[in-house]
Amino acid sequence: MVRVANLEQSLDFYCNKLGLIQTNEVHNEQGRFTLVFLSAPDDILHANTPNAPLLELTYNWPKEVGSTENYQSGRNFGHLAYEVKNIYDTCQKLMASGVTINRPPRDGRMAFIKSPDHISIELLQAGESLPPQAPWSNMDNTGTW
């Protein structure tokens, strides 16, 4: 579970940019929160089974109109990790959509990005590492991950 400050912005990031698929949404009036469940594309067939590998986004409704809670990293957690079919293609697509690659895939194996709520997300090349290639092999880190 990851707490998010802006549900629309987070859904754009996780679904439109990262490629996860929304499987369910729950609105709880009494508790004043919304839960959105996301699946990796390769896990979508298992999304409605017990112990499915899902990411839960929790949006706590503002107490006052226009106010949002600012979650610090201690209110979320370490990082998420996803395997991707081609780390270079994935990073290029993310960069083209405005996502900063904090740790480029210099080794053809691993990269890090951050969500709008500053959750570190590790991208791992599925299978063997790809051979190092430019421009990735020459890129410096940006910020933290």
C-alpha atoms as a PDB file:
ATOM      1  CA  MET A   1       0.000   0.000   0.000  1.00  0.00           C
ATOM      2  CA  VAL A   2       1.167   3.477  -0.886  1.00  0.00           C
ATOM      3  CA  ARG A   3      -0.522   6.638   0.361  1.00  0.00           C
ATOM      4  CA  VAL A   4      -0.977   9.237  -2.375  1.00  0.00           C
ATOM      5  CA  ALA A   5      -1.694  12.956  -2.077  1.00  0.00           C
ATOM      6  CA  ASN A   6      -3.271  13.396  -5.544  1.00  0.00           C
ATOM      7  CA  LEU A   7      -5.150  10.373  -6.897  1.00  0.00           C
ATOM      8  CA  GLU A   8      -5.459  11.639 -10.490  1.00  0.00           C
ATOM      9  CA  GLN A   9      -1.765  12.471 -10.717  1.00  0.00           C
ATOM     10  CA  SER A  10      -0.823   9.110  -9.186  1.00  0.00           C
ATOM     11  CA  LEU A  11      -3.110   7.150 -11.554  1.00  0.00           C
ATOM     12  CA  ASP A  12      -1.592   8.995 -14.510  1.00  0.00           C
ATOM     13  CA  PHE A  13       1.889   8.027 -13.301  1.00  0.00           C
ATOM     14  CA  TYR A  14       1.230   4.388 -12.373  1.00  0.00           C
ATOM     15  CA  CYS A  15      -1.169   3.553 -15.255  1.00  0.00           C
ATOM     16  CA  ASN A  16      -0.363   5.842 -18.182  1.00  0.00           C
ATOM     17  CA  LYS A  17       3.386   6.117 -17.662  1.00  0.00           C
ATOM     18  CA  LEU A  18       4.416   2.972 -15.775  1.00  0.00           C
ATOM     19  CA  GLY A  19       1.838   0.727 -17.475  1.00  0.00           C
ATOM     20  CA  LEU A  20       0.005  -0.779 -14.497  1.00  0.00           C
ATOM     21  CA  ILE A  21      -3.671  -1.672 -14.914  1.00  0.00           C
ATOM     22  CA  GLN A  22      -6.439  -0.581 -12.537  1.00  0.00           C
ATOM     23  CA  THR A  23      -8.369  -3.637 -11.337  1.00  0.00           C
ATOM     24  CA  ASN A  24     -10.667  -2.244  -8.637  1.00  0.00           C
ATOM     25  CA  GLU A  25     -11.647   0.964  -6.851  1.00  0.00           C
ATOM     26  CA  VAL A  26     -13.327   1.299  -3.453  1.00  0.00           C
ATOM     27  CA  HIS A  27     -14.763   4.519  -2.009  1.00  0.00           C
ATOM     28  CA  ASN A  28     -15.452   4.570   1.725  1.00  0.00           C
ATOM     29  CA  GLU A  29     -17.651   7.526   2.735  1.00  0.00           C
ATOM     30  CA  GLN A  30     -17.520   6.780   6.466  1.00  0.00           C
ATOM     31  CA  GLY A  31     -13.738   6.344   6.554  1.00  0.00           C
ATOM     32  CA  ARG A  32     -13.250   9.166   4.008  1.00  0.00           C
ATOM     33  CA  PHE A  33     -10.807   7.326   1.766  1.00  0.00           C
ATOM     34  CA  THR A  34     -10.497   5.770  -1.677  1.00  0.00           C
ATOM     35  CA  LEU A  35      -8.533   2.618  -2.458  1.00  0.00           C
ATOM     36  CA  VAL A  36      -7.381   1.865  -5.997  1.00  0.00           C
ATOM     37  CA  PHE A  37      -5.837  -1.502  -6.822  1.00  0.00           C
ATOM     38  CA  LEU A  38      -3.318  -1.857  -9.652  1.00  0.00           C
ATOM     39  CA  SER A  39      -1.810  -4.888 -11.348  1.00  0.00           C
ATOM     40  CA  ALA A  40       1.246  -5.371 -13.531  1.00  0.00           C
ATOM     41  CA  PRO A  41       0.135  -6.400 -17.044  1.00  0.00           C
ATOM     42  CA  ASP A  42       1.611  -9.895 -16.698  1.00  0.00           C
ATOM     43  CA  ASP A  43      -0.303 -10.412 -13.425  1.00  0.00           C
ATOM     44  CA  ILE A  44      -3.730  -9.218 -14.624  1.00  0.00           C
ATOM     45  CA  LEU A  45      -5.116 -12.771 -14.926  1.00  0.00           C
ATOM     46  CA  HIS A  46      -4.489 -13.269 -11.204  1.00  0.00           C
ATOM     47  CA  ALA A  47      -5.749  -9.851 -10.083  1.00  0.00           C
ATOM     48  CA  ASN A  48      -8.950 -11.160  -8.504  1.00  0.00           C
ATOM     49  CA  THR A  49      -7.453 -14.189  -6.792  1.00  0.00           C
ATOM     50  CA  PRO A  50      -6.369 -14.447  -3.146  1.00  0.00           C
ATOM     51  CA  ASN A  51      -2.847 -13.139  -2.546  1.00  0.00           C
ATOM     52  CA  ALA A  52      -2.736 -11.438  -5.946  1.00  0.00           C
ATOM     53  CA  PRO A  53       0.358  -9.269  -6.504  1.00  0.00           C
ATOM     54  CA  LEU A  54      -1.395  -5.887  -6.435  1.00  0.00           C
ATOM     55  CA  LEU A  55      -0.362  -2.360  -5.557  1.00  0.00           C
ATOM     56  CA  GLU A  56      -2.906  -0.526  -3.418  1.00  0.00           C
ATOM     57  CA  LEU A  57      -3.039   3.258  -3.701  1.00  0.00           C
ATOM     58  CA  THR A  58      -4.711   4.832  -0.674  1.00  0.00           C
ATOM     59  CA  TYR A  59      -6.109   8.335  -1.034  1.00  0.00           C
ATOM     60  CA  ASN A  60      -7.290   9.863   2.252  1.00  0.00           C
ATOM     61  CA  TRP A  61      -9.880  12.536   1.536  1.00  0.00           C
ATOM     62  CA  PRO A  62      -8.965  16.047   2.682  1.00  0.00           C
ATOM     63  CA  LYS A  63     -10.353  17.192   6.025  1.00  0.00           C
ATOM     64  CA  GLU A  64     -10.985  20.616   4.519  1.00  0.00           C
ATOM     65  CA  VAL A  65     -11.646  21.655   0.941  1.00  0.00           C
ATOM     66  CA  GLY A  66      -8.350  22.337  -0.827  1.00  0.00           C
ATOM     67  CA  SER A  67      -6.119  20.766   1.831  1.00  0.00           C
ATOM     68  CA  THR A  68      -3.983  17.659   1.294  1.00  0.00           C
ATOM     69  CA  GLU A  69      -1.706  15.714   3.582  1.00  0.00           C
ATOM     70  CA  ASN A  70       1.988  15.939   2.716  1.00  0.00           C
ATOM     71  CA  TYR A  71       3.366  12.432   3.124  1.00  0.00           C
ATOM     72  CA  GLN A  72       7.031  12.221   4.011  1.00  0.00           C
ATOM     73  CA  SER A  73       9.012   9.124   3.112  1.00  0.00           C
ATOM     74  CA  GLY A  74       8.479   7.702   6.591  1.00  0.00           C
ATOM     75  CA  ARG A  75       4.720   7.594   5.889  1.00  0.00           C
ATOM     76  CA  ASN A  76       5.174   5.462   2.786  1.00  0.00           C
ATOM     77  CA  PHE A  77       8.043   2.952   2.613  1.00  0.00           C
ATOM     78  CA  GLY A  78      11.329   1.926   0.966  1.00  0.00           C
ATOM     79  CA  HIS A  79      10.634   1.164  -2.684  1.00  0.00           C
ATOM     80  CA  LEU A  80       8.644  -0.858  -5.203  1.00  0.00           C
ATOM     81  CA  ALA A  81      10.312  -3.050  -7.819  1.00  0.00           C
ATOM     82  CA  TYR A  82       9.046  -4.210 -11.229  1.00  0.00           C
ATOM     83  CA  GLU A  83      10.596  -6.333 -13.953  1.00  0.00           C
ATOM     84  CA  VAL A  84      10.382  -4.895 -17.443  1.00  0.00           C
ATOM     85  CA  LYS A  85      10.869  -6.547 -20.836  1.00  0.00           C
ATOM     86  CA  ASN A  86      13.406  -3.987 -22.081  1.00  0.00           C
ATOM     87  CA  ILE A  87      14.873  -1.564 -19.553  1.00  0.00           C
ATOM     88  CA  TYR A  88      16.163   0.840 -22.199  1.00  0.00           C
ATOM     89  CA  ASP A  89      12.812   1.065 -24.011  1.00  0.00           C
ATOM     90  CA  THR A  90      10.950   1.462 -20.719  1.00  0.00           C
ATOM     91  CA  CYS A  91      13.246   4.266 -19.516  1.00  0.00           C
ATOM     92  CA  GLN A  92      13.036   6.025 -22.882  1.00  0.00           C
ATOM     93  CA  LYS A  93       9.219   5.878 -22.800  1.00  0.00           C
ATOM     94  CA  LEU A  94       9.174   7.198 -19.222  1.00  0.00           C
ATOM     95  CA  MET A  95      11.560  10.054 -20.069  1.00  0.00           C
ATOM     96  CA  ALA A  96       9.431  10.974 -23.090  1.00  0.00           C
ATOM     97  CA  SER A  97       6.418  11.266 -20.779  1.00  0.00           C
ATOM     98  CA  GLY A  98       8.258  13.576 -18.373  1.00  0.00           C
ATOM     99  CA  VAL A  99       9.486  11.083 -15.749  1.00  0.00           C
ATOM    100  CA  THR A 100      13.012  11.703 -14.408  1.00  0.00           C
ATOM    101  CA  ILE A 101      15.299   8.671 -14.479  1.00  0.00           C
ATOM    102  CA  ASN A 102      17.047   9.118 -11.126  1.00  0.00           C
ATOM    103  CA  ARG A 103      19.425   6.190 -11.597  1.00  0.00           C
ATOM    104  CA  PRO A 104      19.871   5.390 -15.309  1.00  0.00           C
ATOM    105  CA  PRO A 105      20.231   1.754 -16.444  1.00  0.00           C
ATOM    106  CA  ARG A 106      23.976   2.086 -17.092  1.00  0.00           C
ATOM    107  CA  ASP A 107      24.491  -1.639 -16.533  1.00  0.00           C
ATOM    108  CA  GLY A 108      21.523  -2.767 -18.671  1.00  0.00           C
ATOM    109  CA  ARG A 109      19.969  -4.241 -15.541  1.00  0.00           C
ATOM    110  CA  MET A 110      18.570  -1.663 -13.114  1.00  0.00           C
ATOM    111  CA  ALA A 111      17.131   1.852 -13.018  1.00  0.00           C
ATOM    112  CA  PHE A 112      15.275   3.939 -10.439  1.00  0.00           C
ATOM    113  CA  ILE A 113      12.495   6.510 -10.837  1.00  0.00           C
ATOM    114  CA  LYS A 114      10.157   8.206  -8.348  1.00  0.00           C
ATOM    115  CA  SER A 115       6.379   8.491  -8.244  1.00  0.00           C
ATOM    116  CA  PRO A 116       4.618  11.846  -7.773  1.00  0.00           C
ATOM    117  CA  ASP A 117       4.624  11.062  -4.014  1.00  0.00           C
ATOM    118  CA  HIS A 118       8.388  10.402  -4.044  1.00  0.00           C
ATOM    119  CA  ILE A 119       8.121   6.600  -3.794  1.00  0.00           C
ATOM    120  CA  SER A 120      11.291   5.046  -5.227  1.00  0.00           C
ATOM    121  CA  ILE A 121      10.550   2.524  -7.953  1.00  0.00           C
ATOM    122  CA  GLU A 122      13.213   0.094  -9.090  1.00  0.00           C
ATOM    123  CA  LEU A 123      12.972  -1.123 -12.686  1.00  0.00           C
ATOM    124  CA  LEU A 124      14.738  -4.426 -13.328  1.00  0.00           C
ATOM    125  CA  GLN A 125      15.518  -5.989 -16.681  1.00  0.00           C
ATOM    126  CA  ALA A 126      13.685  -9.330 -16.941  1.00  0.00           C
ATOM    127  CA  GLY A 127      16.129 -12.195 -17.496  1.00  0.00           C
ATOM    128  CA  GLU A 128      19.736 -11.383 -18.257  1.00  0.00           C
ATOM    129  CA  SER A 129      21.071  -7.833 -18.274  1.00  0.00           C
ATOM    130  CA  LEU A 130      21.121  -6.089 -21.637  1.00  0.00           C
ATOM    131  CA  PRO A 131      24.549  -5.065 -22.952  1.00  0.00           C
ATOM    132  CA  PRO A 132      25.455  -1.539 -21.794  1.00  0.00           C
ATOM    133  CA  GLN A 133      24.634   1.056 -24.442  1.00  0.00           C
ATOM    134  CA  ALA A 134      24.766   4.803 -24.946  1.00  0.00           C
ATOM    135  CA  PRO A 135      23.348   7.157 -23.923  1.00  0.00           C
ATOM    136  CA  TRP A 136      22.432   5.180 -20.787  1.00  0.00           C
ATOM    137  CA  SER A 137      25.946   3.936 -20.023  1.00  0.00           C
ATOM    138  CA  ASN A 138      27.195   7.539 -19.840  1.00  0.00           C
ATOM    139  CA  MET A 139      24.343   9.142 -17.872  1.00  0.00           C
ATOM    140  CA  ASP A 140      24.816  10.464 -14.351  1.00  0.00           C
ATOM    141  CA  ASN A 141      22.405   9.974 -11.477  1.00  0.00           C
ATOM    142  CA  THR A 142      19.775  12.677 -10.952  1.00  0.00           C
ATOM    143  CA  GLY A 143      18.655  13.424  -7.408  1.00  0.00           C
ATOM    144  CA  THR A 144      18.121  10.521  -5.039  1.00  0.00           C
ATOM    145  CA  TRP A 145      16.344   7.228  -5.260  1.00  0.00           C
END
